[in-house]
């Protein structure tokens, strides 16, 4: 097979992956350690997604194009990689359930590969990512609007894209007040309306430079905005307004600095409140979702204090939550990606995470890629209020693509 043919297949597989990003067609495994007090917990179970198989094919087709791989590491890089591997081994070894930590680190390896692939080929990929990303958003948004109109799931072929069966009376379903009536928030093919809205917002930011190029892009933008509105995700609404204001005043350097200052302030304020230990008794009159988040934030601080250097083990937050705080019955991670990293990987992990984001910010600033910089900031801002950028397949893959693009040379 010629080099051009292999290159074509490789790009085609990447387009298939981008088109299938929203789907959650999966096969779950349920070993004993994926149960908490007899309850199956999705966050603990090993899961194989259709998109995982596409990523594997992408890896094989990409490596087949490389005739020889030369490893040329400096002493500094070699020591860094060795130290990272030692940290990973220790994080797995000392985890309460090492099997969960091992599976989660395998998932991290998958995302690292995808990020490296995008980084090395972004100059060509940014031209071919637009159409499959737009088409994926189209079926995602249309399904969400359809669900909202009929106040139920659609069923049929959409089950194979990841749609689950529910209606407004299903226990635990997300509802909202719409003109004084309780309505079901649309899920589309995502696990929750907030995840749906976050995915759409970040995807639209990636597509923004191409919006003026075709009618399809304008249509996708309109569908995305409508879906974000009917998702009733207030943090997405707020983030969207802030982004619009940013672009309206993007020439004002002061506003950029202010936006960055606000982001950093929010990150550190969330850490402060988590460690203050003084909120729980004074905010029981808050909305249930806010109250739950505060309790989980404080629990994350407690879990971190038990293993502050290497953390409780990747993916082990829920396990440690049930053992350390048996009175808390929330079987989900803390709704803050920074606190989640801190609790599960300790000071070493959070410092690596911050340093990784810093390098991405610096590279984007150097190359003046404003829309990608705004995208990264939006993900961090949304990550202060939810965990899905690090825990759910669709948004993990999208985050990996954005980070990979952020580290490219933008040639």
Protein backbone atom coordinates (compact mmCIF):
# COMPACT_ATOMS: atom_id res chain seq x y z
CA UNK A 1 0.00 0.00 0.00
CA UNK A 2 1.36 3.41 -0.97
CA UNK A 3 2.14 6.14 1.53
CA UNK A 4 -0.68 8.34 0.19
CA UNK A 5 -3.19 5.49 0.59
CA UNK A 6 -2.13 4.86 4.19
CA UNK A 7 -2.33 8.58 4.90
CA UNK A 8 -5.84 8.73 3.43
CA UNK A 9 -6.99 5.76 5.55
CA UNK A 10 -5.47 7.32 8.66
CA UNK A 11 -7.28 10.62 8.13
CA UNK A 12 -10.52 8.80 7.32
CA UNK A 13 -10.34 6.84 10.59
CA UNK A 14 -9.77 10.10 12.48
CA UNK A 15 -12.85 11.61 10.82
CA UNK A 16 -14.89 8.56 11.82
CA UNK A 17 -13.68 9.01 15.41
CA UNK A 18 -14.69 12.68 15.45
CA UNK A 19 -18.10 11.85 13.96
CA UNK A 20 -18.67 9.20 16.65
CA UNK A 21 -17.40 11.32 19.56
CA UNK A 22 -20.89 11.96 21.00
CA UNK A 23 -21.89 8.29 20.99
CA UNK A 24 -21.74 6.14 24.11
CA UNK A 25 -22.30 2.67 22.69
CA UNK A 26 -20.52 0.51 25.26
CA UNK A 27 -19.95 -2.90 26.76
CA UNK A 28 -19.64 -2.91 30.56
CA UNK A 29 -17.81 -5.47 32.65
CA UNK A 30 -19.01 -5.94 36.22
CA UNK A 31 -16.34 -7.46 38.47
CA UNK A 32 -16.91 -7.50 42.21
CA UNK A 33 -14.83 -4.35 42.75
CA UNK A 34 -17.20 -2.34 40.51
CA UNK A 35 -19.90 -2.61 43.19
CA UNK A 36 -20.30 -0.41 46.27
CA UNK A 37 -22.52 -2.03 48.92
CA UNK A 38 -24.12 -4.14 46.20
CA UNK A 39 -24.77 -1.18 43.89
CA UNK A 40 -23.24 -1.16 40.41
CA UNK A 41 -21.21 2.00 39.85
CA UNK A 42 -20.50 2.97 36.23
CA UNK A 43 -17.48 5.07 37.22
CA UNK A 44 -15.74 1.96 38.61
CA UNK A 45 -16.61 -0.60 35.93
CA UNK A 46 -14.21 -1.37 33.07
CA UNK A 47 -15.94 -0.19 29.91
CA UNK A 48 -15.13 -0.67 26.23
CA UNK A 49 -16.62 2.01 23.98
CA UNK A 50 -17.07 1.88 20.23
CA UNK A 51 -14.88 4.98 20.12
CA UNK A 52 -12.13 3.05 21.98
CA UNK A 53 -12.00 0.59 19.11
CA UNK A 54 -11.76 3.44 16.60
CA UNK A 55 -8.90 4.98 18.61
CA UNK A 56 -7.14 1.59 18.53
CA UNK A 57 -7.55 1.41 14.74
CA UNK A 58 -6.26 4.97 14.50
CA UNK A 59 -3.16 3.98 16.49
CA UNK A 60 -2.51 0.97 14.24
CA UNK A 61 -2.96 2.90 10.99
CA UNK A 62 -0.79 5.76 12.27
CA UNK A 63 2.05 3.49 13.40
CA UNK A 64 1.91 1.66 10.06
CA UNK A 65 2.91 4.93 8.38
CA UNK A 66 6.05 5.24 10.48
CA UNK A 67 8.86 3.14 9.02
CA UNK A 68 11.14 3.63 11.98
CA UNK A 69 10.70 5.25 15.35
CA UNK A 70 13.78 6.86 16.81
CA UNK A 71 13.80 7.64 20.49
CA UNK A 72 16.07 10.57 21.23
CA UNK A 73 15.65 11.57 24.85
CA UNK A 74 17.76 13.99 26.75
CA UNK A 75 18.75 13.15 30.30
CA UNK A 76 16.12 15.60 31.58
CA UNK A 77 13.33 14.00 29.55
CA UNK A 78 14.42 10.48 30.47
CA UNK A 79 14.41 11.28 34.17
CA UNK A 80 11.02 12.97 33.83
CA UNK A 81 9.45 9.98 32.07
CA UNK A 82 10.95 7.54 34.57
CA UNK A 83 9.69 9.64 37.50
CA UNK A 84 6.21 9.76 35.95
CA UNK A 85 6.13 5.97 35.49
CA UNK A 86 7.24 5.43 39.08
CA UNK A 87 4.47 7.76 40.24
CA UNK A 88 1.89 5.83 38.18
CA UNK A 89 3.03 2.50 39.65
CA UNK A 90 2.88 3.87 43.21
CA UNK A 91 -0.53 5.42 42.59
CA UNK A 92 -1.85 2.04 41.42
CA UNK A 93 -0.10 0.01 44.11
CA UNK A 94 -1.37 2.07 47.05
CA UNK A 95 -4.90 2.52 45.69
CA UNK A 96 -7.74 1.03 47.71
CA UNK A 97 -8.83 -0.91 44.61
CA UNK A 98 -5.81 -1.17 42.37
CA UNK A 99 -7.79 -2.69 39.50
CA UNK A 100 -9.80 0.52 39.13
CA UNK A 101 -6.63 2.63 39.19
CA UNK A 102 -4.97 0.40 36.60
CA UNK A 103 -7.92 0.64 34.23
CA UNK A 104 -8.10 4.43 34.64
CA UNK A 105 -4.38 4.83 33.89
CA UNK A 106 -4.87 2.74 30.74
CA UNK A 107 -7.57 5.23 29.80
CA UNK A 108 -5.13 8.10 30.48
CA UNK A 109 -2.61 6.39 28.17
CA UNK A 110 -5.27 6.26 25.46
CA UNK A 111 -5.96 9.98 25.83
CA UNK A 112 -2.23 10.77 25.82
CA UNK A 113 -1.85 8.88 22.54
CA UNK A 114 -4.78 10.74 20.99
CA UNK A 115 -3.36 14.06 22.18
CA UNK A 116 0.08 13.26 20.73
CA UNK A 117 -1.48 12.19 17.44
CA UNK A 118 -3.43 15.45 17.17
CA UNK A 119 -0.41 17.51 18.24
CA UNK A 120 1.83 16.01 15.54
CA UNK A 121 -0.74 16.29 12.73
CA UNK A 122 -2.91 19.26 13.70
CA UNK A 123 -1.90 21.34 10.69
CA UNK A 124 -3.66 18.82 8.44
CA UNK A 125 -6.32 17.64 10.87
CA UNK A 126 -7.79 21.09 11.58
CA UNK A 127 -8.92 21.18 7.94
CA UNK A 128 -10.68 17.80 8.02
CA UNK A 129 -12.11 17.89 11.54
CA UNK A 130 -14.76 20.51 10.71
CA UNK A 131 -17.24 18.40 8.69
CA UNK A 132 -17.39 15.28 10.92
CA UNK A 133 -17.54 17.42 14.06
CA UNK A 134 -20.38 19.47 12.57
CA UNK A 135 -22.28 16.36 11.45
CA UNK A 136 -21.87 14.78 14.87
CA UNK A 137 -23.22 17.93 16.48
CA UNK A 138 -26.14 17.94 14.05
CA UNK A 139 -27.52 14.52 15.02
CA UNK A 140 -26.75 15.22 18.68
CA UNK A 141 -28.68 18.51 18.71
CA UNK A 142 -31.58 17.28 16.59
CA UNK A 143 -32.09 14.31 18.90
CA UNK A 144 -31.96 16.59 21.97
CA UNK A 145 -34.56 18.96 20.47
CA UNK A 146 -36.75 15.99 19.51
CA UNK A 147 -36.57 14.62 23.06
CA UNK A 148 -37.49 17.99 24.51
CA UNK A 149 -40.50 18.38 22.22
CA UNK A 150 -41.96 14.92 22.91
CA UNK A 151 -40.75 14.85 26.54
CA UNK A 152 -39.40 11.35 26.16
CA UNK A 153 -36.61 9.44 24.50
CA UNK A 154 -37.04 8.59 20.83
CA UNK A 155 -35.74 5.02 20.82
CA UNK A 156 -35.17 2.87 17.78
CA UNK A 157 -31.81 3.25 16.05
CA UNK A 158 -30.77 5.99 18.46
CA UNK A 159 -30.25 3.34 21.13
CA UNK A 160 -27.14 2.25 19.23
CA UNK A 161 -25.80 5.80 19.42
CA UNK A 162 -26.13 5.75 23.20
CA UNK A 163 -29.65 7.00 23.89
CA UNK A 164 -31.22 5.44 26.97
CA UNK A 165 -34.95 4.98 27.63
CA UNK A 166 -36.57 7.40 30.10
CA UNK A 167 -39.30 9.99 30.53
CA UNK A 168 -40.14 12.79 33.03
CA UNK A 169 -41.41 10.27 35.60
CA UNK A 170 -38.23 8.20 35.60
CA UNK A 171 -36.57 8.37 39.07
CA UNK A 172 -33.53 10.64 39.13
CA UNK A 173 -34.22 12.21 35.73
CA UNK A 174 -33.12 15.83 35.30
CA UNK A 175 -36.10 18.22 35.30
CA UNK A 176 -36.46 21.98 34.94
CA UNK A 177 -39.16 24.58 35.44
CA UNK A 178 -40.38 25.91 32.10
CA UNK A 179 -43.15 28.50 32.30
CA UNK A 180 -44.09 27.12 35.75
CA UNK A 181 -44.26 23.56 34.45
CA UNK A 182 -41.86 20.74 35.17
CA UNK A 183 -40.22 19.50 31.97
CA UNK A 184 -37.60 16.89 31.19
CA UNK A 185 -34.23 18.27 30.21
CA UNK A 186 -32.90 16.61 27.02
CA UNK A 187 -30.05 14.12 27.25
CA UNK A 188 -29.56 13.27 23.57
CA UNK A 189 -26.89 10.50 23.63
CA UNK A 190 -25.13 11.80 26.75
CA UNK A 191 -25.34 10.69 30.40
CA UNK A 192 -26.66 14.08 31.58
CA UNK A 193 -27.93 17.37 30.07
CA UNK A 194 -24.98 19.27 31.59
CA UNK A 195 -22.56 16.98 29.75
CA UNK A 196 -24.54 17.46 26.54
CA UNK A 197 -24.40 21.25 26.85
CA UNK A 198 -20.70 21.28 27.76
CA UNK A 199 -19.80 19.09 24.79
CA UNK A 200 -21.82 21.29 22.43
CA UNK A 201 -20.29 24.53 23.70
CA UNK A 202 -16.68 23.33 23.35
CA UNK A 203 -17.39 21.81 19.92
CA UNK A 204 -18.89 25.10 18.74
CA UNK A 205 -15.77 26.91 19.94
CA UNK A 206 -13.64 24.56 17.83
CA UNK A 207 -15.89 25.20 14.83
CA UNK A 208 -16.10 28.95 15.35
CA UNK A 209 -13.34 29.89 12.83
CA UNK A 210 -15.32 28.02 10.14
CA UNK A 211 -18.80 29.37 10.92
CA UNK A 212 -18.71 32.01 8.17
CA UNK A 213 -17.59 29.53 5.51
CA UNK A 214 -20.81 27.61 4.81
CA UNK A 215 -24.53 27.31 5.46
CA UNK A 216 -23.89 24.00 7.29
CA UNK A 217 -21.73 25.76 9.89
CA UNK A 218 -24.37 28.45 10.46
CA UNK A 219 -27.05 25.76 10.82
CA UNK A 220 -24.95 23.81 13.33
CA UNK A 221 -24.33 27.00 15.31
CA UNK A 222 -28.08 27.69 15.46
CA UNK A 223 -28.90 24.12 16.48
CA UNK A 224 -26.17 24.23 19.13
CA UNK A 225 -27.46 27.46 20.65
CA UNK A 226 -31.03 26.13 20.77
CA UNK A 227 -29.85 22.92 22.44
CA UNK A 228 -27.79 24.81 25.01
CA UNK A 229 -30.86 26.92 25.87
CA UNK A 230 -33.18 23.93 26.35
CA UNK A 231 -30.53 22.02 28.31
CA UNK A 232 -31.22 24.39 31.23
CA UNK A 233 -27.56 24.11 32.25
CA UNK A 234 -26.98 27.36 34.10
CA UNK A 235 -23.21 27.07 34.23
CA UNK A 236 -23.17 26.60 30.44
CA UNK A 237 -25.43 29.64 30.06
CA UNK A 238 -23.05 31.70 32.20
CA UNK A 239 -19.97 30.44 30.35
CA UNK A 240 -21.59 31.19 26.98
CA UNK A 241 -22.36 34.76 28.03
CA UNK A 242 -18.80 35.27 29.26
CA UNK A 243 -17.40 33.93 25.98
CA UNK A 244 -19.65 36.25 23.95
CA UNK A 245 -18.46 39.20 26.04
CA UNK A 246 -14.86 38.09 25.57
CA UNK A 247 -15.18 38.06 21.78
CA UNK A 248 -17.01 41.37 21.80
CA UNK A 249 -14.05 42.96 23.62
CA UNK A 250 -11.23 40.66 22.51
CA UNK A 251 -9.04 43.60 21.55
CA UNK A 252 -9.06 44.82 25.12
CA UNK A 253 -5.93 43.31 26.62
CA UNK A 254 -7.17 44.25 30.09
CA UNK A 255 -10.22 42.02 29.66
CA UNK A 256 -8.02 39.05 28.74
CA UNK A 257 -5.96 39.53 31.85
CA UNK A 258 -9.12 39.95 33.91
CA UNK A 259 -10.59 36.72 32.48
CA UNK A 260 -7.45 34.80 33.36
CA UNK A 261 -7.44 36.33 36.85
CA UNK A 262 -11.07 35.32 37.38
CA UNK A 263 -10.30 31.76 36.25
CA UNK A 264 -7.36 31.39 38.63
CA UNK A 265 -9.37 32.99 41.45
CA UNK A 266 -12.22 30.53 40.95
CA UNK A 267 -9.85 27.56 40.94
CA UNK A 268 -8.15 28.56 44.16
CA UNK A 269 -11.36 29.71 45.83
CA UNK A 270 -12.86 26.27 45.20
CA UNK A 271 -9.81 24.72 46.86
CA UNK A 272 -10.12 27.15 49.78
CA UNK A 273 -13.79 26.38 50.37
CA UNK A 274 -13.13 22.65 50.15
CA UNK A 275 -10.49 22.88 52.87
CA UNK A 276 -12.29 25.42 55.02
CA UNK A 277 -14.63 22.80 56.50
CA UNK A 278 -17.02 25.55 57.53
CA UNK A 279 -19.66 25.53 54.84
CA UNK A 280 -21.65 22.37 55.43
CA UNK A 281 -23.46 23.48 58.57
CA UNK A 282 -24.40 26.88 57.21
CA UNK A 283 -25.77 26.09 53.77
CA UNK A 284 -28.40 23.38 54.23
CA UNK A 285 -30.96 25.79 52.82
CA UNK A 286 -29.13 25.92 49.48
CA UNK A 287 -30.45 24.06 46.42
CA UNK A 288 -29.84 20.32 46.65
CA UNK A 289 -27.34 20.22 43.77
CA UNK A 290 -25.27 23.04 45.29
CA UNK A 291 -25.36 21.44 48.74
CA UNK A 292 -24.22 18.08 47.32
CA UNK A 293 -21.33 19.73 45.52
CA UNK A 294 -20.15 21.45 48.70
CA UNK A 295 -20.24 18.18 50.64
CA UNK A 296 -18.28 16.41 47.90
CA UNK A 297 -15.74 19.28 47.83
CA UNK A 298 -15.14 18.93 51.55
CA UNK A 299 -14.96 15.14 51.22
CA UNK A 300 -12.29 15.55 48.51
CA UNK A 301 -10.22 17.56 50.99
CA UNK A 302 -10.58 14.79 53.55
CA UNK A 303 -9.56 12.08 51.06
CA UNK A 304 -6.56 14.17 50.00
CA UNK A 305 -5.43 14.56 53.61
CA UNK A 306 -5.20 10.76 53.96
CA UNK A 307 -2.72 10.45 51.09
CA UNK A 308 -1.44 13.93 50.20
CA UNK A 309 1.60 12.98 48.09
CA UNK A 310 0.47 10.31 45.61
CA UNK A 311 -3.28 10.46 46.17
CA UNK A 312 -5.94 7.85 46.85
CA UNK A 313 -5.53 6.17 43.47
CA UNK A 314 -6.90 7.16 40.08
CA UNK A 315 -10.63 6.40 39.88
CA UNK A 316 -10.78 5.56 43.60
CA UNK A 317 -12.62 8.69 44.81
CA UNK A 318 -16.00 6.97 45.25
CA UNK A 319 -14.44 3.97 46.99
CA UNK A 320 -12.61 6.18 49.49
CA UNK A 321 -15.68 8.38 49.91
CA UNK A 322 -17.80 5.43 51.03
CA UNK A 323 -15.13 4.11 53.40
CA UNK A 324 -14.00 7.43 54.91
CA UNK A 325 -17.42 9.11 54.96
CA UNK A 326 -20.04 6.33 55.24
CA UNK A 327 -22.80 8.86 55.96
CA UNK A 328 -22.43 10.33 52.46
CA UNK A 329 -24.39 8.34 49.89
CA UNK A 330 -23.34 10.11 46.69
CA UNK A 331 -21.91 7.48 44.34
CA UNK A 332 -20.19 9.96 42.05
CA UNK A 333 -16.90 11.86 41.91
CA UNK A 334 -16.45 15.36 43.29
CA UNK A 335 -17.84 17.91 40.83
CA UNK A 336 -14.55 19.72 40.35
CA UNK A 337 -11.78 18.38 38.11
CA UNK A 338 -9.04 20.11 40.12
CA UNK A 339 -10.21 18.67 43.42
CA UNK A 340 -10.69 15.29 41.76
CA UNK A 341 -7.10 15.28 40.50
CA UNK A 342 -5.89 16.44 43.92
CA UNK A 343 -7.78 13.71 45.80
CA UNK A 344 -6.89 10.85 43.45
CA UNK A 345 -3.30 11.77 42.52
CA UNK A 346 -2.17 14.02 45.38
CA UNK A 347 0.22 16.94 45.20
CA UNK A 348 2.33 15.28 42.52
CA UNK A 349 -0.65 14.79 40.23
CA UNK A 350 -2.15 18.25 40.68
CA UNK A 351 1.22 19.93 40.07
CA UNK A 352 1.63 17.96 36.83
CA UNK A 353 -1.91 18.86 35.80
CA UNK A 354 -1.39 22.57 36.45
CA UNK A 355 1.98 22.51 34.68
CA UNK A 356 0.40 20.76 31.68
CA UNK A 357 -2.29 23.44 31.44
CA UNK A 358 0.33 26.17 31.86
CA UNK A 359 2.33 24.83 28.91
CA UNK A 360 -0.83 24.71 26.79
CA UNK A 361 -1.70 28.33 27.71
CA UNK A 362 1.85 29.46 26.93
CA UNK A 363 1.93 27.75 23.54
CA UNK A 364 -1.45 29.15 22.50
CA UNK A 365 -0.48 32.64 23.62
CA UNK A 366 2.78 32.41 21.66
CA UNK A 367 0.97 31.34 18.48
CA UNK A 368 -1.93 33.76 19.12
CA UNK A 369 -4.55 31.00 18.80
CA UNK A 370 -7.25 32.91 20.65
CA UNK A 371 -10.16 30.55 19.92
CA UNK A 372 -8.25 27.54 21.27
CA UNK A 373 -7.16 29.55 24.30
CA UNK A 374 -10.79 30.45 24.98
CA UNK A 375 -11.73 26.79 24.54
CA UNK A 376 -9.19 25.64 27.16
CA UNK A 377 -10.31 28.36 29.57
CA UNK A 378 -13.96 27.34 29.05
CA UNK A 379 -13.15 23.70 29.85
CA UNK A 380 -11.31 24.75 33.02
CA UNK A 381 -14.16 27.03 34.04
CA UNK A 382 -16.74 24.28 33.48
CA UNK A 383 -14.45 21.84 35.27
CA UNK A 384 -14.82 23.86 38.47
CA UNK A 385 -18.50 22.87 38.57
CA UNK A 386 -18.44 19.32 37.18
CA UNK A 387 -16.18 16.31 36.66
CA UNK A 388 -17.17 15.00 33.23
CA UNK A 389 -14.11 16.35 31.38
CA UNK A 390 -12.03 13.74 33.23
CA UNK A 391 -14.53 10.94 33.86
CA UNK A 392 -16.78 10.46 30.81
CA UNK A 393 -15.70 9.07 27.45
CA UNK A 394 -17.17 11.65 25.07
CA UNK A 395 -15.77 14.67 26.85
CA UNK A 396 -12.46 12.93 27.66
CA UNK A 397 -11.85 12.40 23.95
CA UNK A 398 -12.84 15.96 23.09
CA UNK A 399 -10.59 17.30 25.86
CA UNK A 400 -7.68 15.20 24.52
CA UNK A 401 -8.18 16.60 21.01
CA UNK A 402 -8.29 20.18 22.31
CA UNK A 403 -5.15 19.67 24.40
CA UNK A 404 -3.35 18.01 21.49
CA UNK A 405 -4.19 20.96 19.26
CA UNK A 406 -3.06 23.35 22.00
CA UNK A 407 0.44 21.80 22.01
CA UNK A 408 0.87 21.81 18.23
CA UNK A 409 3.23 24.16 16.41
CA UNK A 410 0.29 25.74 14.54
CA UNK A 411 2.23 25.59 11.33
